Amino acid sequence: MLKLDDEFYKEEVRCGFKVTEKRKRVWAVELNLLNEFDAFAKKYNLKYYAGFGTLLGAARHKGFIPWDDDVDIFMMRDDYMKMAKYAREYFCGQAINGRRMVFEDAYSKNTVFRSYISKIRDCETTIAEPFMIENGTFAGISIDIFPYDATFDGTETMARNTRIRYELWLCFVIGKGDPENVKQALGGTSILGDEILKKVCSLPDDDRMKLFEDHALSMWGKSSKVYLFYSSLVYDGKYDNDVDLWSDTCELPFENLMVPAPAAWDKVLRDIYGDYNEFVMGGSLHENSYYDPDTPFYEYENGRKRIPEDWDGSL
């Protein structure tokens, strides 16, 4: 476990927000995961960057945004695919410096939520996000790894490939055995065509995901724009970056670590947040999640431990 001095764990007020001792213990778990991921990335010569609130926190607070509770990592699609291949063996549930960690993605047998992102989880801890609480499922506290993909840059080729990638994604999330679900989501017309759509939707989950990822990888390096593929669709390219912004790397302080960031981090942050020095005290993607940084998640799964009845949703 990463060594942190006693002062780190003390409750304090940062930027007018009370950071509890428990939040600090959750942060410590995430910092350790980040530190171990950094060692892994260096071993396999993989490039990654602090992303979202982690990049913002590094630039503005030299650490966590006080009201944040997670760590986000960005990787370009080509490095992301290499990472996933190596991480399945590296983070396989065996102890790493005294902590059992596991890599989780859409192919994992016991994943609680199949998505296009992946996670590194600490098996000695517990998190239950709101949807998990409803389903009675638990997992280890994690850091999130997001693939950055080629996005639409105004060319016909990228327009077609972007649409195909979206259709393949729909085949994975809603098309299992039923291509009509996909056609309905597309408004009735598929660029893949009915026969291919039917064939793809008939495939097992892992095969449908692999088709999506293989197509995303085939697009890499063919566009001047990049972002998270799904967010690019949802926001119609509003937050897409010039790929050149990610060509050079620097390091920024993050609590007691140094994290890699795009050298053009100021431009990247302004593209996403506008005036990022203006505080917006909002929740993270894991808001209202239950955390226990001291108990393995399987203690909750087998009923030996329960979420306290008086828990009010806070951390």
Protein backbone atom coordinates (compact mmCIF):
# COMPACT_ATOMS: atom_id res chain seq x y z
CA MET A 1 0.00 0.00 0.00
CA LEU A 2 1.24 3.47 -0.87
CA LYS A 3 2.77 5.20 2.15
CA LEU A 4 0.93 8.36 3.21
CA ASP A 5 1.73 10.37 6.31
CA ASP A 6 -0.74 10.71 9.17
CA GLU A 7 -1.57 14.31 8.20
CA PHE A 8 -3.06 13.14 4.91
CA TYR A 9 -5.79 11.16 6.67
CA LYS A 10 -6.97 13.97 8.94
CA GLU A 11 -10.34 15.59 8.30
CA GLU A 12 -9.95 19.09 6.89
CA VAL A 13 -11.75 21.83 5.01
CA ARG A 14 -10.59 22.39 1.44
CA CYS A 15 -12.09 25.22 -0.60
CA GLY A 16 -14.99 25.46 1.86
CA PHE A 17 -15.79 21.74 1.62
CA LYS A 18 -15.34 19.35 4.54
CA VAL A 19 -13.18 16.44 3.47
CA THR A 20 -13.92 13.69 5.97
CA GLU A 21 -11.44 11.16 7.29
CA LYS A 22 -13.39 8.44 5.46
CA ARG A 23 -13.14 10.30 2.14
CA LYS A 24 -9.40 10.55 2.75
CA ARG A 25 -9.21 6.77 3.23
CA VAL A 26 -11.08 6.27 -0.06
CA TRP A 27 -8.66 8.66 -1.74
CA ALA A 28 -5.76 6.66 -0.31
CA VAL A 29 -7.10 3.47 -1.92
CA GLU A 30 -7.46 5.26 -5.26
CA LEU A 31 -3.99 6.82 -5.03
CA ASN A 32 -2.54 3.37 -4.42
CA LEU A 33 -4.40 2.00 -7.46
CA LEU A 34 -3.14 4.92 -9.54
CA ASN A 35 0.42 4.36 -8.32
CA GLU A 36 0.29 0.67 -9.21
CA PHE A 37 -1.25 1.44 -12.60
CA ASP A 38 1.58 3.89 -13.24
CA ALA A 39 4.15 1.17 -12.51
CA PHE A 40 2.27 -1.20 -14.82
CA ALA A 41 2.10 1.39 -17.62
CA LYS A 42 5.82 2.08 -17.36
CA LYS A 43 6.62 -1.65 -17.45
CA TYR A 44 4.75 -2.06 -20.74
CA ASN A 45 5.66 1.35 -22.18
CA LEU A 46 2.05 2.54 -22.29
CA LYS A 47 1.08 6.20 -22.34
CA TYR A 48 -1.82 7.44 -20.22
CA TYR A 49 -3.10 10.77 -18.93
CA ALA A 50 -5.06 12.10 -15.99
CA GLY A 51 -8.57 12.81 -17.27
CA PHE A 52 -11.77 14.64 -16.34
CA GLY A 53 -11.82 15.68 -12.66
CA THR A 54 -8.43 14.09 -12.03
CA LEU A 55 -6.80 16.37 -14.62
CA LEU A 56 -8.80 19.33 -13.33
CA GLY A 57 -7.83 18.50 -9.75
CA ALA A 58 -4.15 18.21 -10.65
CA ALA A 59 -4.17 21.55 -12.47
CA ARG A 60 -6.30 23.49 -9.97
CA HIS A 61 -5.80 21.78 -6.59
CA LYS A 62 -2.58 19.79 -7.03
CA GLY A 63 -4.67 16.80 -6.00
CA PHE A 64 -8.27 15.68 -5.67
CA ILE A 65 -11.08 18.15 -6.21
CA PRO A 66 -12.31 18.26 -2.59
CA TRP A 67 -15.81 17.02 -3.42
CA ASP A 68 -14.62 14.37 -5.90
CA ASP A 69 -14.37 10.69 -5.02
CA ASP A 70 -12.78 8.99 -8.02
CA VAL A 71 -9.78 8.86 -10.34
CA ASP A 72 -10.13 9.00 -14.13
CA ILE A 73 -7.52 7.94 -16.66
CA PHE A 74 -7.51 8.59 -20.41
CA MET A 75 -5.68 6.42 -22.94
CA MET A 76 -5.56 6.74 -26.70
CA ARG A 77 -7.34 3.80 -28.36
CA ASP A 78 -4.17 2.07 -29.59
CA ASP A 79 -2.50 2.11 -26.18
CA TYR A 80 -5.80 1.29 -24.49
CA MET A 81 -6.10 -1.96 -26.44
CA LYS A 82 -2.55 -2.96 -25.53
CA MET A 83 -3.23 -2.05 -21.91
CA ALA A 84 -6.31 -4.27 -21.72
CA LYS A 85 -4.36 -7.24 -23.10
CA TYR A 86 -1.59 -6.94 -20.51
CA ALA A 87 -3.76 -5.80 -17.60
CA ARG A 88 -5.90 -8.96 -17.60
CA GLU A 89 -2.83 -10.93 -16.55
CA TYR A 90 -1.11 -8.24 -14.47
CA PHE A 91 -4.14 -7.30 -12.34
CA CYS A 92 -5.55 -10.80 -11.95
CA GLY A 93 -6.54 -10.81 -8.28
CA GLN A 94 -3.10 -11.73 -6.99
CA ALA A 95 -1.56 -9.47 -4.36
CA ILE A 96 0.51 -6.54 -5.62
CA ASN A 97 2.49 -4.96 -2.79
CA GLY A 98 0.07 -6.47 -0.31
CA ARG A 99 -3.19 -5.55 -2.08
CA ARG A 100 -5.28 -7.82 -4.30
CA MET A 101 -6.26 -5.98 -7.46
CA VAL A 102 -8.25 -6.99 -10.51
CA PHE A 103 -8.75 -5.58 -13.99
CA GLU A 104 -12.38 -5.35 -15.06
CA ASP A 105 -13.87 -4.65 -18.47
CA ALA A 106 -16.77 -5.78 -20.64
CA TYR A 107 -15.21 -9.24 -21.04
CA SER A 108 -14.84 -9.89 -17.31
CA LYS A 109 -17.01 -12.67 -15.92
CA ASN A 110 -18.06 -10.90 -12.72
CA THR A 111 -18.25 -7.31 -13.93
CA VAL A 112 -21.13 -5.38 -12.40
CA PHE A 113 -21.64 -3.13 -15.44
CA ARG A 114 -20.55 -3.88 -19.00
CA SER A 115 -19.30 -0.77 -20.74
CA TYR A 116 -16.65 0.42 -23.18
CA ILE A 117 -14.43 1.61 -20.31
CA SER A 118 -12.42 -0.50 -17.88
CA LYS A 119 -11.47 -0.39 -14.21
CA ILE A 120 -8.76 -1.49 -11.81
CA ARG A 121 -10.38 -2.60 -8.54
CA ASP A 122 -8.96 -3.09 -5.06
CA CYS A 123 -10.46 -6.36 -3.83
CA GLU A 124 -9.80 -5.47 -0.18
CA THR A 125 -12.42 -2.68 -0.29
CA THR A 126 -16.10 -2.13 -1.08
CA ILE A 127 -18.14 0.20 -3.25
CA ALA A 128 -21.83 -0.02 -4.06
CA GLU A 129 -23.06 2.56 -6.56
CA PRO A 130 -26.79 3.40 -6.50
CA PHE A 131 -27.69 0.84 -9.20
CA MET A 132 -25.61 -1.76 -7.35
CA ILE A 133 -27.39 -1.05 -4.08
CA GLU A 134 -30.72 -1.66 -5.83
CA ASN A 135 -29.41 -4.99 -7.17
CA GLY A 136 -27.62 -6.04 -3.99
CA THR A 137 -24.23 -6.20 -5.71
CA PHE A 138 -20.85 -5.02 -4.45
CA ALA A 139 -17.34 -4.61 -5.86
CA GLY A 140 -13.96 -3.19 -4.95
CA ILE A 141 -13.21 0.54 -5.09
CA SER A 142 -11.78 1.35 -8.52
CA ILE A 143 -10.12 3.81 -10.81
CA ASP A 144 -11.69 4.28 -14.26
CA ILE A 145 -9.85 4.00 -17.58
CA PHE A 146 -11.45 5.65 -20.63
CA PRO A 147 -10.36 5.05 -24.24
CA TYR A 148 -9.96 8.16 -26.38
CA ASP A 149 -11.18 7.45 -29.91
CA ALA A 150 -10.99 9.02 -33.33
CA THR A 151 -14.11 11.14 -33.87
CA PHE A 152 -15.85 12.84 -36.78
CA ASP A 153 -13.64 15.49 -38.39
CA GLY A 154 -15.86 16.55 -41.28
CA THR A 155 -14.79 13.92 -43.81
CA GLU A 156 -17.17 11.42 -45.44
CA THR A 157 -14.95 8.51 -44.44
CA MET A 158 -15.07 9.42 -40.76
CA ALA A 159 -18.81 10.11 -40.97
CA ARG A 160 -19.39 6.57 -42.24
CA ASN A 161 -16.99 4.94 -39.79
CA THR A 162 -18.40 6.89 -36.86
CA ARG A 163 -21.89 5.67 -37.74
CA ILE A 164 -20.72 2.05 -38.10
CA ARG A 165 -19.01 2.24 -34.71
CA TYR A 166 -22.20 3.55 -33.12
CA GLU A 167 -24.27 0.77 -34.69
CA LEU A 168 -21.82 -1.85 -33.45
CA TRP A 169 -22.04 -0.35 -29.98
CA LEU A 170 -25.83 -0.53 -30.06
CA CYS A 171 -25.56 -4.16 -31.16
CA PHE A 172 -23.58 -4.79 -27.99
CA VAL A 173 -25.74 -2.92 -25.48
CA ILE A 174 -29.29 -3.49 -26.77
CA GLY A 175 -29.06 -5.82 -29.78
CA LYS A 176 -28.52 -9.22 -28.21
CA GLY A 177 -30.65 -11.56 -30.33
CA ASP A 178 -32.90 -8.71 -31.47
CA PRO A 179 -31.70 -6.41 -34.29
CA GLU A 180 -35.06 -4.63 -34.25
CA ASN A 181 -34.03 -2.92 -31.01
CA VAL A 182 -31.02 -1.49 -32.81
CA LYS A 183 -33.02 -0.40 -35.87
CA GLN A 184 -35.56 1.31 -33.63
CA ALA A 185 -32.79 3.23 -31.83
CA LEU A 186 -31.39 4.23 -35.23
CA GLY A 187 -34.74 5.48 -36.48
CA GLY A 188 -35.30 2.48 -38.75
CA THR A 189 -32.24 2.53 -41.02
CA SER A 190 -28.92 0.75 -40.51
CA ILE A 191 -25.81 1.53 -42.54
CA LEU A 192 -24.68 -2.05 -41.87
CA GLY A 193 -27.77 -3.43 -43.59
CA ASP A 194 -30.35 -5.85 -42.24
CA GLU A 195 -28.43 -9.07 -42.92
CA ILE A 196 -25.19 -7.95 -41.27
CA LEU A 197 -27.12 -6.39 -38.39
CA LYS A 198 -28.97 -9.65 -37.82
CA LYS A 199 -25.74 -11.65 -37.94
CA VAL A 200 -23.95 -9.33 -35.50
CA CYS A 201 -26.84 -9.35 -33.03
CA SER A 202 -26.82 -13.16 -33.04
CA LEU A 203 -23.23 -13.28 -31.78
CA PRO A 204 -22.25 -13.84 -28.12
CA ASP A 205 -21.62 -10.76 -25.97
CA ASP A 206 -17.83 -10.99 -26.14
CA ASP A 207 -17.84 -11.28 -29.94
CA ARG A 208 -20.11 -8.25 -30.33
CA MET A 209 -17.85 -6.22 -28.05
CA LYS A 210 -14.78 -7.32 -29.98
CA LEU A 211 -16.32 -6.18 -33.27
CA PHE A 212 -16.95 -2.77 -31.74
CA GLU A 213 -13.42 -2.46 -30.34
CA ASP A 214 -11.74 -3.76 -33.50
CA HIS A 215 -13.61 -1.20 -35.59
CA ALA A 216 -12.72 1.59 -33.15
CA LEU A 217 -9.07 0.56 -33.38
CA SER A 218 -9.23 0.50 -37.19
CA MET A 219 -10.34 4.15 -37.09
CA TRP A 220 -7.45 5.24 -34.88
CA GLY A 221 -4.97 7.61 -36.53
CA LYS A 222 -7.37 8.53 -39.34
CA SER A 223 -8.94 11.66 -37.83
CA SER A 224 -7.70 15.02 -36.61
CA LYS A 225 -10.28 14.91 -33.78
CA VAL A 226 -10.45 12.69 -30.70
CA TYR A 227 -12.67 12.23 -27.64
CA LEU A 228 -14.67 9.59 -25.80
CA PHE A 229 -16.72 8.08 -28.60
CA TYR A 230 -20.06 8.02 -26.78
CA SER A 231 -19.70 11.52 -25.30
CA SER A 232 -18.79 12.79 -28.75
CA LEU A 233 -22.10 11.43 -30.05
CA VAL A 234 -24.17 12.70 -27.13
CA TYR A 235 -22.70 16.21 -27.30
CA ASP A 236 -22.43 16.27 -31.10
CA GLY A 237 -18.67 16.80 -31.05
CA LYS A 238 -18.82 19.84 -28.77
CA TYR A 239 -15.92 18.65 -26.59
CA ASP A 240 -13.84 16.88 -29.24
CA ASN A 241 -10.14 17.79 -29.09
CA ASP A 242 -7.52 18.25 -31.78
CA VAL A 243 -5.43 15.09 -31.63
CA ASP A 244 -2.28 17.26 -31.65
CA LEU A 245 -3.15 18.49 -28.14
CA TRP A 246 -2.19 15.03 -26.87
CA SER A 247 1.12 14.64 -28.71
CA ASP A 248 3.31 15.99 -25.90
CA THR A 249 3.18 15.00 -22.24
CA CYS A 250 4.07 16.72 -18.98
CA GLU A 251 3.61 15.85 -15.30
CA LEU A 252 1.39 17.59 -12.76
CA PRO A 253 1.31 17.12 -8.96
CA PHE A 254 -1.57 15.05 -7.60
CA GLU A 255 -1.51 14.77 -3.81
CA ASN A 256 1.78 12.92 -3.17
CA LEU A 257 2.12 11.63 -6.76
CA MET A 258 3.02 13.12 -10.12
CA VAL A 259 0.55 12.27 -12.87
CA PRO A 260 1.01 12.45 -16.66
CA ALA A 261 -1.03 15.09 -18.45
CA PRO A 262 -1.17 16.50 -21.97
CA ALA A 263 1.33 19.35 -22.22
CA ALA A 264 -1.60 21.37 -23.60
CA TRP A 265 -3.65 20.64 -20.45
CA ASP A 266 -4.89 24.23 -20.17
CA LYS A 267 -6.47 24.08 -23.65
CA VAL A 268 -7.88 20.60 -22.99
CA LEU A 269 -9.51 21.76 -19.75
CA ARG A 270 -10.91 24.92 -21.33
CA ASP A 271 -12.41 22.87 -24.16
CA ILE A 272 -14.26 20.73 -21.60
CA TYR A 273 -15.01 23.09 -18.70
CA GLY A 274 -14.62 26.63 -20.04
CA ASP A 275 -13.27 28.72 -17.15
CA TYR A 276 -12.06 25.76 -15.12
CA ASN A 277 -10.81 27.99 -12.29
CA GLU A 278 -14.41 28.79 -11.40
CA PHE A 279 -15.53 26.29 -8.76
CA VAL A 280 -18.62 24.24 -9.57
CA MET A 281 -19.37 22.11 -6.53
CA GLY A 282 -21.05 19.10 -8.12
CA GLY A 283 -21.08 15.36 -7.65
CA SER A 284 -19.03 12.77 -9.47
CA LEU A 285 -20.28 9.86 -11.56
CA HIS A 286 -20.20 7.84 -8.34
CA GLU A 287 -22.25 10.30 -6.29
CA ASN A 288 -24.35 8.69 -3.52
CA SER A 289 -22.28 5.52 -3.65
CA TYR A 290 -21.57 3.56 -0.50
CA TYR A 291 -17.87 3.17 0.29
CA ASP A 292 -16.07 0.97 2.78
CA PRO A 293 -12.30 1.32 2.26
CA ASP A 294 -11.53 -1.16 5.05
CA THR A 295 -13.68 -4.23 4.20
CA PRO A 296 -13.45 -6.66 1.25
CA PHE A 297 -16.58 -6.47 -0.91
CA TYR A 298 -17.30 -10.18 -0.57
CA GLU A 299 -18.06 -9.61 3.13
CA TYR A 300 -21.11 -7.65 1.92
CA GLU A 301 -21.92 -10.15 -0.83
CA ASN A 302 -22.13 -13.06 1.59
CA GLY A 303 -24.16 -11.05 4.10
CA ARG A 304 -21.60 -10.98 6.89
CA LYS A 305 -21.64 -7.19 6.66
CA ARG A 306 -24.42 -4.83 5.63
CA ILE A 307 -24.80 -1.21 4.64
CA PRO A 308 -25.76 0.63 7.86
CA GLU A 309 -29.46 1.46 8.03
CA ASP A 310 -28.65 5.03 9.09
CA TRP A 311 -26.30 5.67 6.14
CA ASP A 312 -27.44 8.94 4.56
CA GLY A 313 -25.65 8.65 1.21
CA SER A 314 -22.69 10.78 2.21
CA LEU A 315 -19.00 9.93 2.21
